[in-house]
Amino acid sequence: MNENDYAKGLWNPYVAGVALGLVLLLTFYLMGTGLGASGAVSRTAAVVGHAVAPQAVEQNGYLGGYFKGGKNPLIDWMVFEVLGVFIGGLVASLTGGRMKLTVAKGPRVSSGQRLAMALGGGVIVGIGARFALGCTSGQGLSGGATLALGSWVFMMAVFATAFIFAIVIRREWV
């Protein structure tokens, strides 16, 4: 990133990294746990599923646990965290003058192909997050901050895989 990018409303990556670290520290202090996002997605899926088929969701071994004791699954700090991330991103894009509807893609890929690849990748990551019992933000930030060996191994595998796939699909973006 060069100096002109910051003039377009982008944060300096070092400042953003320090800010994220402080948010993580505050989250550990106030909530007793680190950052994450996949729990909010599963809670939202449970509520949507419950609206369509309440008995099936309540009898489901995984999603039914969210409704034990008559609790509302959306009353959870992680749901509010994800809402805050969305609102923060919206405010940042509006105040930085970068709010526009666009599909970021390379010249050899259509918008439809790019959206299909993004959806497919998101589904794969979502399934992986459920198998891993957490998302990359939970593993990388929270697990890494607590020096959990599994989180460090996981993140090294993520970076290695991303590096390999970047070489493979780079031709689609250049």
N, C-alpha and C. Protein backbone atom coordinates (compact mmCIF):
# COMPACT_ATOMS: atom_id res chain seq x y z
N MET A 1 0.83 -1.16 0.00
CA MET A 1 0.00 0.00 0.00
C MET A 1 0.88 1.24 0.00
N ASN A 2 0.56 2.18 -0.84
CA ASN A 2 1.36 3.40 -0.85
C ASN A 2 0.61 4.53 -0.14
N GLU A 3 1.26 5.65 -0.02
CA GLU A 3 0.70 6.79 0.71
C GLU A 3 -0.62 7.26 0.11
N ASN A 4 -0.79 7.14 -1.21
CA ASN A 4 -2.03 7.57 -1.85
C ASN A 4 -3.22 6.75 -1.40
N ASP A 5 -3.01 5.46 -1.08
CA ASP A 5 -4.10 4.62 -0.61
C ASP A 5 -4.67 5.14 0.71
N TYR A 6 -3.80 5.64 1.59
CA TYR A 6 -4.28 6.17 2.87
C TYR A 6 -5.14 7.41 2.64
N ALA A 7 -4.82 8.17 1.60
CA ALA A 7 -5.60 9.36 1.30
C ALA A 7 -7.01 8.98 0.85
N LYS A 8 -7.21 7.75 0.39
CA LYS A 8 -8.52 7.29 -0.04
C LYS A 8 -9.36 6.81 1.13
N GLY A 9 -8.90 6.98 2.33
CA GLY A 9 -9.69 6.60 3.49
C GLY A 9 -9.30 5.26 4.09
N LEU A 10 -8.19 4.67 3.68
CA LEU A 10 -7.76 3.41 4.25
C LEU A 10 -6.85 3.66 5.45
N TRP A 11 -6.99 2.82 6.44
CA TRP A 11 -6.13 2.93 7.61
C TRP A 11 -4.73 2.41 7.30
N ASN A 12 -3.77 2.95 7.99
CA ASN A 12 -2.44 2.39 7.95
C ASN A 12 -2.52 1.00 8.57
N PRO A 13 -1.98 -0.04 7.92
CA PRO A 13 -2.13 -1.41 8.44
C PRO A 13 -1.51 -1.60 9.83
N TYR A 14 -0.48 -0.85 10.15
CA TYR A 14 0.14 -0.98 11.47
C TYR A 14 -0.76 -0.39 12.56
N VAL A 15 -1.39 0.73 12.26
CA VAL A 15 -2.33 1.33 13.19
C VAL A 15 -3.54 0.42 13.38
N ALA A 16 -4.04 -0.13 12.28
CA ALA A 16 -5.18 -1.04 12.35
C ALA A 16 -4.83 -2.29 13.16
N GLY A 17 -3.61 -2.81 12.98
CA GLY A 17 -3.18 -3.99 13.74
C GLY A 17 -3.11 -3.73 15.23
N VAL A 18 -2.57 -2.57 15.61
CA VAL A 18 -2.51 -2.20 17.03
C VAL A 18 -3.93 -2.03 17.59
N ALA A 19 -4.80 -1.39 16.82
CA ALA A 19 -6.18 -1.20 17.26
C ALA A 19 -6.88 -2.54 17.45
N LEU A 20 -6.68 -3.46 16.52
CA LEU A 20 -7.28 -4.79 16.64
C LEU A 20 -6.75 -5.52 17.87
N GLY A 21 -5.45 -5.40 18.12
CA GLY A 21 -4.87 -6.02 19.31
C GLY A 21 -5.46 -5.46 20.59
N LEU A 22 -5.70 -4.15 20.62
CA LEU A 22 -6.31 -3.54 21.80
C LEU A 22 -7.77 -3.99 21.98
N VAL A 23 -8.48 -4.12 20.87
CA VAL A 23 -9.86 -4.64 20.94
C VAL A 23 -9.85 -6.07 21.47
N LEU A 24 -8.92 -6.89 21.00
CA LEU A 24 -8.81 -8.27 21.47
C LEU A 24 -8.51 -8.31 22.97
N LEU A 25 -7.58 -7.48 23.41
CA LEU A 25 -7.24 -7.41 24.83
C LEU A 25 -8.44 -6.98 25.66
N LEU A 26 -9.16 -5.99 25.20
CA LEU A 26 -10.36 -5.52 25.90
C LEU A 26 -11.43 -6.61 25.94
N THR A 27 -11.56 -7.37 24.85
CA THR A 27 -12.54 -8.45 24.81
C THR A 27 -12.19 -9.53 25.83
N PHE A 28 -10.91 -9.90 25.91
CA PHE A 28 -10.50 -10.87 26.93
C PHE A 28 -10.80 -10.34 28.33
N TYR A 29 -10.53 -9.06 28.55
CA TYR A 29 -10.73 -8.48 29.87
C TYR A 29 -12.21 -8.39 30.25
N LEU A 30 -13.04 -7.88 29.33
CA LEU A 30 -14.45 -7.67 29.63
C LEU A 30 -15.31 -8.93 29.53
N MET A 31 -15.04 -9.76 28.50
CA MET A 31 -15.90 -10.91 28.24
C MET A 31 -15.31 -12.22 28.75
N GLY A 32 -14.03 -12.22 29.03
CA GLY A 32 -13.39 -13.45 29.49
C GLY A 32 -13.08 -14.42 28.37
N THR A 33 -13.23 -13.97 27.14
CA THR A 33 -12.97 -14.81 25.98
C THR A 33 -12.54 -13.91 24.81
N GLY A 34 -12.01 -14.52 23.78
CA GLY A 34 -11.51 -13.74 22.65
C GLY A 34 -12.55 -13.47 21.59
N LEU A 35 -12.07 -12.99 20.44
CA LEU A 35 -12.93 -12.65 19.32
C LEU A 35 -13.27 -13.89 18.49
N GLY A 36 -14.36 -13.84 17.80
CA GLY A 36 -14.79 -14.91 16.91
C GLY A 36 -16.04 -14.48 16.19
N ALA A 37 -16.48 -15.25 15.21
CA ALA A 37 -17.67 -14.87 14.45
C ALA A 37 -18.59 -16.03 14.12
N SER A 38 -18.06 -17.24 14.02
CA SER A 38 -18.88 -18.35 13.53
C SER A 38 -20.01 -18.69 14.48
N GLY A 39 -19.85 -18.44 15.75
CA GLY A 39 -20.93 -18.70 16.71
C GLY A 39 -22.15 -17.85 16.42
N ALA A 40 -21.94 -16.62 15.97
CA ALA A 40 -23.06 -15.74 15.63
C ALA A 40 -23.81 -16.28 14.42
N VAL A 41 -23.08 -16.82 13.47
CA VAL A 41 -23.71 -17.37 12.27
C VAL A 41 -24.56 -18.59 12.63
N SER A 42 -24.03 -19.48 13.47
CA SER A 42 -24.80 -20.68 13.84
C SER A 42 -26.01 -20.31 14.69
N ARG A 43 -25.89 -19.29 15.54
CA ARG A 43 -27.03 -18.84 16.33
C ARG A 43 -28.11 -18.25 15.42
N THR A 44 -27.70 -17.48 14.43
CA THR A 44 -28.66 -16.90 13.48
C THR A 44 -29.33 -18.01 12.67
N ALA A 45 -28.57 -19.00 12.25
CA ALA A 45 -29.15 -20.14 11.51
C ALA A 45 -30.15 -20.88 12.38
N ALA A 46 -29.85 -21.01 13.66
CA ALA A 46 -30.78 -21.69 14.57
C ALA A 46 -32.10 -20.93 14.67
N VAL A 47 -32.03 -19.62 14.76
CA VAL A 47 -33.25 -18.80 14.87
C VAL A 47 -34.06 -18.87 13.58
N VAL A 48 -33.37 -18.77 12.42
CA VAL A 48 -34.08 -18.85 11.14
C VAL A 48 -34.71 -20.23 10.97
N GLY A 49 -33.95 -21.28 11.28
CA GLY A 49 -34.49 -22.64 11.20
C GLY A 49 -35.66 -22.84 12.14
N HIS A 50 -35.56 -22.27 13.33
CA HIS A 50 -36.63 -22.41 14.33
C HIS A 50 -37.90 -21.73 13.86
N ALA A 51 -37.78 -20.63 13.11
CA ALA A 51 -38.96 -19.95 12.58
C ALA A 51 -39.67 -20.80 11.54
N VAL A 52 -38.91 -21.63 10.82
CA VAL A 52 -39.48 -22.47 9.77
C VAL A 52 -39.96 -23.81 10.31
N ALA A 53 -39.13 -24.46 11.12
CA ALA A 53 -39.46 -25.80 11.64
C ALA A 53 -39.01 -25.91 13.10
N PRO A 54 -39.80 -25.36 14.01
CA PRO A 54 -39.37 -25.30 15.41
C PRO A 54 -39.09 -26.65 16.05
N GLN A 55 -39.94 -27.63 15.81
CA GLN A 55 -39.73 -28.94 16.43
C GLN A 55 -38.45 -29.60 15.93
N ALA A 56 -38.20 -29.51 14.65
CA ALA A 56 -37.00 -30.13 14.09
C ALA A 56 -35.74 -29.50 14.67
N VAL A 57 -35.74 -28.19 14.82
CA VAL A 57 -34.57 -27.50 15.37
C VAL A 57 -34.39 -27.84 16.84
N GLU A 58 -35.48 -27.84 17.61
CA GLU A 58 -35.39 -28.14 19.04
C GLU A 58 -34.92 -29.57 19.29
N GLN A 59 -35.22 -30.49 18.39
CA GLN A 59 -34.80 -31.88 18.54
C GLN A 59 -33.40 -32.13 17.97
N ASN A 60 -32.87 -31.16 17.25
CA ASN A 60 -31.54 -31.29 16.69
C ASN A 60 -30.51 -31.21 17.81
N GLY A 61 -29.58 -32.15 17.82
CA GLY A 61 -28.58 -32.21 18.88
C GLY A 61 -27.70 -30.98 18.97
N TYR A 62 -27.43 -30.33 17.86
CA TYR A 62 -26.56 -29.16 17.86
C TYR A 62 -27.36 -27.88 18.03
N LEU A 63 -28.32 -27.62 17.14
CA LEU A 63 -29.06 -26.36 17.16
C LEU A 63 -30.04 -26.29 18.33
N GLY A 64 -30.55 -27.43 18.78
CA GLY A 64 -31.51 -27.44 19.88
C GLY A 64 -30.95 -26.88 21.17
N GLY A 65 -29.65 -27.02 21.36
CA GLY A 65 -29.02 -26.51 22.58
C GLY A 65 -29.16 -25.00 22.74
N TYR A 66 -29.31 -24.29 21.65
CA TYR A 66 -29.47 -22.84 21.73
C TYR A 66 -30.80 -22.43 22.35
N PHE A 67 -31.78 -23.34 22.36
CA PHE A 67 -33.12 -23.01 22.83
C PHE A 67 -33.43 -23.59 24.21
N LYS A 68 -32.47 -24.27 24.82
CA LYS A 68 -32.71 -24.84 26.15
C LYS A 68 -32.95 -23.74 27.16
N GLY A 69 -33.93 -23.95 28.02
CA GLY A 69 -34.23 -22.96 29.05
C GLY A 69 -35.00 -21.76 28.53
N GLY A 70 -35.53 -21.85 27.32
CA GLY A 70 -36.33 -20.76 26.75
C GLY A 70 -35.53 -19.53 26.38
N LYS A 71 -34.21 -19.68 26.21
CA LYS A 71 -33.36 -18.54 25.88
C LYS A 71 -33.51 -18.16 24.41
N ASN A 72 -33.25 -16.89 24.11
CA ASN A 72 -33.19 -16.43 22.73
C ASN A 72 -31.72 -16.54 22.30
N PRO A 73 -31.43 -17.35 21.28
CA PRO A 73 -30.03 -17.54 20.87
C PRO A 73 -29.33 -16.26 20.41
N LEU A 74 -30.10 -15.25 20.01
CA LEU A 74 -29.48 -14.03 19.52
C LEU A 74 -29.02 -13.09 20.64
N ILE A 75 -29.41 -13.38 21.87
CA ILE A 75 -28.95 -12.58 23.00
C ILE A 75 -27.63 -13.18 23.47
N ASP A 76 -26.58 -12.85 22.75
CA ASP A 76 -25.25 -13.37 23.02
C ASP A 76 -24.26 -12.30 22.57
N TRP A 77 -23.18 -12.15 23.30
CA TRP A 77 -22.21 -11.10 22.99
C TRP A 77 -21.63 -11.25 21.59
N MET A 78 -21.49 -12.50 21.11
CA MET A 78 -20.87 -12.71 19.81
C MET A 78 -21.76 -12.19 18.67
N VAL A 79 -23.07 -12.29 18.84
CA VAL A 79 -24.00 -11.75 17.84
C VAL A 79 -23.82 -10.23 17.77
N PHE A 80 -23.72 -9.60 18.93
CA PHE A 80 -23.54 -8.15 18.96
C PHE A 80 -22.16 -7.76 18.43
N GLU A 81 -21.16 -8.61 18.65
CA GLU A 81 -19.83 -8.36 18.10
C GLU A 81 -19.88 -8.32 16.57
N VAL A 82 -20.54 -9.30 15.97
CA VAL A 82 -20.62 -9.36 14.51
C VAL A 82 -21.44 -8.18 13.97
N LEU A 83 -22.52 -7.81 14.66
CA LEU A 83 -23.27 -6.63 14.26
C LEU A 83 -22.38 -5.38 14.33
N GLY A 84 -21.57 -5.29 15.37
CA GLY A 84 -20.65 -4.17 15.50
C GLY A 84 -19.62 -4.14 14.40
N VAL A 85 -19.12 -5.30 13.99
CA VAL A 85 -18.16 -5.36 12.88
C VAL A 85 -18.83 -4.86 11.59
N PHE A 86 -20.06 -5.29 11.36
CA PHE A 86 -20.78 -4.85 10.17
C PHE A 86 -21.01 -3.33 10.19
N ILE A 87 -21.50 -2.83 11.32
CA ILE A 87 -21.76 -1.39 11.43
C ILE A 87 -20.46 -0.60 11.33
N GLY A 88 -19.40 -1.08 11.96
CA GLY A 88 -18.10 -0.42 11.88
C GLY A 88 -17.57 -0.37 10.45
N GLY A 89 -17.71 -1.47 9.72
CA GLY A 89 -17.29 -1.50 8.32
C GLY A 89 -18.11 -0.55 7.47
N LEU A 90 -19.40 -0.48 7.74
CA LEU A 90 -20.27 0.43 7.01
C LEU A 90 -19.88 1.88 7.27
N VAL A 91 -19.68 2.22 8.54
CA VAL A 91 -19.29 3.58 8.89
C VAL A 91 -17.93 3.93 8.27
N ALA A 92 -16.98 2.99 8.33
CA ALA A 92 -15.65 3.24 7.76
C ALA A 92 -15.72 3.48 6.26
N SER A 93 -16.53 2.69 5.55
CA SER A 93 -16.62 2.87 4.10
C SER A 93 -17.33 4.17 3.75
N LEU A 94 -18.32 4.55 4.54
CA LEU A 94 -19.02 5.81 4.28
C LEU A 94 -18.12 7.01 4.57
N THR A 95 -17.44 7.01 5.70
CA THR A 95 -16.60 8.14 6.07
C THR A 95 -15.32 8.19 5.22
N GLY A 96 -14.89 7.06 4.69
CA GLY A 96 -13.70 7.03 3.84
C GLY A 96 -14.00 7.29 2.38
N GLY A 97 -15.28 7.48 2.05
CA GLY A 97 -15.66 7.76 0.67
C GLY A 97 -15.48 6.56 -0.25
N ARG A 98 -15.59 5.36 0.30
CA ARG A 98 -15.38 4.16 -0.51
C ARG A 98 -16.64 3.32 -0.65
N MET A 99 -17.79 3.87 -0.31
CA MET A 99 -19.03 3.11 -0.36
C MET A 99 -19.57 3.11 -1.77
N LYS A 100 -19.48 1.96 -2.43
CA LYS A 100 -20.04 1.81 -3.77
C LYS A 100 -20.31 0.33 -4.00
N LEU A 101 -21.29 0.07 -4.84
CA LEU A 101 -21.65 -1.30 -5.16
C LEU A 101 -20.77 -1.76 -6.32
N THR A 102 -19.92 -2.75 -6.06
CA THR A 102 -19.02 -3.24 -7.09
C THR A 102 -18.65 -4.70 -6.79
N VAL A 103 -18.17 -5.38 -7.79
CA VAL A 103 -17.66 -6.74 -7.63
C VAL A 103 -16.18 -6.71 -7.99
N ALA A 104 -15.33 -6.94 -6.98
CA ALA A 104 -13.88 -6.96 -7.22
C ALA A 104 -13.53 -8.25 -7.95
N LYS A 105 -12.93 -8.11 -9.12
CA LYS A 105 -12.60 -9.30 -9.93
C LYS A 105 -11.50 -8.95 -10.91
N GLY A 106 -10.92 -9.99 -11.45
CA GLY A 106 -9.92 -9.82 -12.49
C GLY A 106 -10.57 -9.67 -13.85
N PRO A 107 -9.78 -9.33 -14.86
CA PRO A 107 -10.34 -9.09 -16.20
C PRO A 107 -10.84 -10.35 -16.91
N ARG A 108 -10.40 -11.51 -16.48
CA ARG A 108 -10.79 -12.76 -17.15
C ARG A 108 -11.96 -13.47 -16.48
N VAL A 109 -12.52 -12.86 -15.46
CA VAL A 109 -13.61 -13.49 -14.70
C VAL A 109 -14.83 -12.59 -14.77
N SER A 110 -15.99 -13.18 -15.04
CA SER A 110 -17.22 -12.40 -15.05
C SER A 110 -17.68 -12.15 -13.63
N SER A 111 -18.58 -11.20 -13.46
CA SER A 111 -19.12 -10.92 -12.12
C SER A 111 -19.85 -12.14 -11.56
N GLY A 112 -20.57 -12.84 -12.42
CA GLY A 112 -21.28 -14.04 -11.98
C GLY A 112 -20.32 -15.12 -11.51
N GLN A 113 -19.23 -15.34 -12.25
CA GLN A 113 -18.23 -16.32 -11.83
C GLN A 113 -17.60 -15.93 -10.50
N ARG A 114 -17.30 -14.65 -10.35
CA ARG A 114 -16.67 -14.17 -9.12
C ARG A 114 -17.60 -14.36 -7.92
N LEU A 115 -18.87 -14.03 -8.09
CA LEU A 115 -19.84 -14.20 -7.00
C LEU A 115 -20.04 -15.68 -6.67
N ALA A 116 -20.06 -16.53 -7.71
CA ALA A 116 -20.20 -17.97 -7.47
C ALA A 116 -18.98 -18.52 -6.73
N MET A 117 -17.78 -18.06 -7.10
CA MET A 117 -16.57 -18.50 -6.39
C MET A 117 -16.58 -18.02 -4.94
N ALA A 118 -17.04 -16.79 -4.72
CA ALA A 118 -17.10 -16.25 -3.36
C ALA A 118 -18.10 -17.03 -2.51
N LEU A 119 -19.25 -17.34 -3.10
CA LEU A 119 -20.26 -18.12 -2.37
C LEU A 119 -19.73 -19.52 -2.06
N GLY A 120 -19.14 -20.17 -3.05
CA GLY A 120 -18.58 -21.51 -2.83
C GLY A 120 -17.50 -21.51 -1.77
N GLY A 121 -16.60 -20.53 -1.84
CA GLY A 121 -15.55 -20.42 -0.83
C GLY A 121 -16.11 -20.16 0.55
N GLY A 122 -17.13 -19.31 0.63
CA GLY A 122 -17.76 -19.02 1.92
C GLY A 122 -18.43 -20.24 2.52
N VAL A 123 -19.08 -21.04 1.69
CA VAL A 123 -19.71 -22.27 2.18
C VAL A 123 -18.66 -23.24 2.70
N ILE A 124 -17.58 -23.41 1.96
CA ILE A 124 -16.50 -24.31 2.39
C ILE A 124 -15.89 -23.84 3.71
N VAL A 125 -15.64 -22.54 3.82
CA VAL A 125 -15.07 -21.99 5.06
C VAL A 125 -16.06 -22.15 6.22
N GLY A 126 -17.34 -21.92 5.96
CA GLY A 126 -18.35 -22.09 7.01
C GLY A 126 -18.43 -23.51 7.51
N ILE A 127 -18.38 -24.47 6.60
CA ILE A 127 -18.40 -25.88 7.01
C ILE A 127 -17.14 -26.21 7.79
N GLY A 128 -16.01 -25.72 7.32
CA GLY A 128 -14.76 -25.95 8.03
C GLY A 128 -14.76 -25.35 9.42
N ALA A 129 -15.36 -24.16 9.56
CA ALA A 129 -15.44 -23.52 10.87
C ALA A 129 -16.27 -24.34 11.84
N ARG A 130 -17.31 -24.96 11.36
CA ARG A 130 -18.13 -25.79 12.25
C ARG A 130 -17.36 -27.06 12.63
N PHE A 131 -16.66 -27.67 11.68
CA PHE A 131 -15.85 -28.86 12.01
C PHE A 131 -14.74 -28.51 13.01
N ALA A 132 -14.15 -27.33 12.84
CA ALA A 132 -13.04 -26.92 13.70
C ALA A 132 -13.51 -26.32 15.02
N LEU A 133 -14.82 -26.18 15.17
CA LEU A 133 -15.41 -25.56 16.36
C LEU A 133 -14.99 -24.10 16.52
N GLY A 134 -14.79 -23.43 15.40
CA GLY A 134 -14.45 -22.02 15.44
C GLY A 134 -13.96 -21.53 14.10
N CYS A 135 -13.96 -20.21 13.96
CA CYS A 135 -13.57 -19.60 12.69
C CYS A 135 -12.10 -19.16 12.72
N THR A 136 -11.63 -18.69 11.59
CA THR A 136 -10.22 -18.27 11.51
C THR A 136 -9.92 -17.10 12.42
N SER A 137 -10.89 -16.20 12.62
CA SER A 137 -10.63 -15.08 13.53
C SER A 137 -10.49 -15.58 14.96
N GLY A 138 -11.32 -16.54 15.33
CA GLY A 138 -11.19 -17.12 16.67
C GLY A 138 -9.89 -17.88 16.84
N GLN A 139 -9.55 -18.66 15.83
CA GLN A 139 -8.30 -19.44 15.88
C GLN A 139 -7.08 -18.54 15.83
N GLY A 140 -7.04 -17.68 14.82
CA GLY A 140 -5.85 -16.87 14.58
C GLY A 140 -5.64 -15.78 15.62
N LEU A 141 -6.68 -15.05 15.92
CA LEU A 141 -6.54 -13.94 16.87
C LEU A 141 -6.56 -14.43 18.31
N SER A 142 -7.66 -15.05 18.69
CA SER A 142 -7.82 -15.42 20.09
C SER A 142 -6.91 -16.59 20.48
N GLY A 143 -6.88 -17.63 19.66
CA GLY A 143 -6.02 -18.77 19.94
C GLY A 143 -4.55 -18.40 19.85
N GLY A 144 -4.20 -17.61 18.84
CA GLY A 144 -2.81 -17.17 18.70
C GLY A 144 -2.36 -16.30 19.86
N ALA A 145 -3.27 -15.43 20.33
CA ALA A 145 -2.93 -14.54 21.45
C ALA A 145 -2.70 -15.31 22.74
N THR A 146 -3.37 -16.44 22.88
CA THR A 146 -3.18 -17.25 24.08
C THR A 146 -2.08 -18.30 23.89
N LEU A 147 -1.39 -18.21 22.76
CA LEU A 147 -0.28 -19.11 22.41
C LEU A 147 -0.70 -20.58 22.34
N ALA A 148 -1.94 -20.82 21.91
CA ALA A 148 -2.42 -22.19 21.73
C ALA A 148 -1.72 -22.81 20.52
N LEU A 149 -1.03 -23.91 20.73
CA LEU A 149 -0.25 -24.54 19.66
C LEU A 149 -1.13 -24.89 18.46
N GLY A 150 -2.31 -25.43 18.71
CA GLY A 150 -3.21 -25.79 17.62
C GLY A 150 -3.58 -24.61 16.75
N SER A 151 -3.76 -23.45 17.36
CA SER A 151 -4.09 -22.25 16.60
C SER A 151 -2.93 -21.80 15.73
N TRP A 152 -1.72 -21.90 16.25
CA TRP A 152 -0.54 -21.52 15.45
C TRP A 152 -0.35 -22.49 14.28
N VAL A 153 -0.53 -23.77 14.52
CA VAL A 153 -0.41 -24.76 13.44
C VAL A 153 -1.50 -24.50 12.40
N PHE A 154 -2.71 -24.25 12.86
CA PHE A 154 -3.83 -23.97 11.96
C PHE A 154 -3.53 -22.76 11.08
N MET A 155 -3.07 -21.66 11.68
CA MET A 155 -2.81 -20.45 10.90
C MET A 155 -1.67 -20.64 9.92
N MET A 156 -0.64 -21.39 10.29
CA MET A 156 0.44 -21.66 9.34
C MET A 156 -0.09 -22.47 8.15
N ALA A 157 -0.99 -23.41 8.43
CA ALA A 157 -1.61 -24.20 7.36
C ALA A 157 -2.47 -23.31 6.47
N VAL A 158 -3.19 -22.38 7.07
CA VAL A 158 -4.02 -21.44 6.29
C VAL A 158 -3.15 -20.59 5.38
N PHE A 159 -2.07 -20.04 5.91
CA PHE A 159 -1.19 -19.19 5.10
C PHE A 159 -0.50 -20.00 4.01
N ALA A 160 -0.06 -21.20 4.31
CA ALA A 160 0.59 -22.04 3.30
C ALA A 160 -0.39 -22.38 2.18
N THR A 161 -1.61 -22.75 2.55
CA THR A 161 -2.63 -23.09 1.56
C THR A 161 -2.98 -21.86 0.72
N ALA A 162 -3.13 -20.71 1.35
CA ALA A 162 -3.44 -19.48 0.62
C ALA A 162 -2.32 -19.14 -0.35
N PHE A 163 -1.10 -19.31 0.07
CA PHE A 163 0.04 -19.02 -0.80
C PHE A 163 0.02 -19.92 -2.04
N ILE A 164 -0.22 -21.20 -1.84
CA ILE A 164 -0.26 -22.15 -2.96
C ILE A 164 -1.42 -21.81 -3.90
N PHE A 165 -2.61 -21.59 -3.34
CA PHE A 165 -3.76 -21.29 -4.19
C PHE A 165 -3.62 -19.94 -4.87
N ALA A 166 -2.94 -18.98 -4.25
CA ALA A 166 -2.72 -17.68 -4.88
C ALA A 166 -1.92 -17.84 -6.16
N ILE A 167 -0.95 -18.74 -6.13
CA ILE A 167 -0.14 -19.00 -7.34
C ILE A 167 -1.03 -19.63 -8.43
N VAL A 168 -1.90 -20.53 -8.02
CA VAL A 168 -2.75 -21.25 -8.98
C VAL A 168 -3.79 -20.33 -9.62
N ILE A 169 -4.44 -19.48 -8.82
CA ILE A 169 -5.53 -18.69 -9.38
C ILE A 169 -5.13 -17.26 -9.75
N ARG A 170 -3.88 -16.92 -9.59
CA ARG A 170 -3.40 -15.56 -9.89
C ARG A 170 -3.71 -15.16 -11.33
N ARG A 171 -3.61 -16.09 -12.23
CA ARG A 171 -3.83 -15.76 -13.64
C ARG A 171 -5.25 -15.24 -13.89
N GLU A 172 -6.20 -15.57 -13.00
CA GLU A 172 -7.56 -15.09 -13.17
C GLU A 172 -7.69 -13.62 -12.78
N TRP A 173 -6.72 -13.11 -12.02
CA TRP A 173 -6.82 -11.75 -11.50
C TRP A 173 -5.90 -10.77 -12.22
N VAL A 174 -4.97 -11.25 -12.99
CA VAL A 174 -3.99 -10.34 -13.62
C VAL A 174 -4.29 -10.18 -15.09
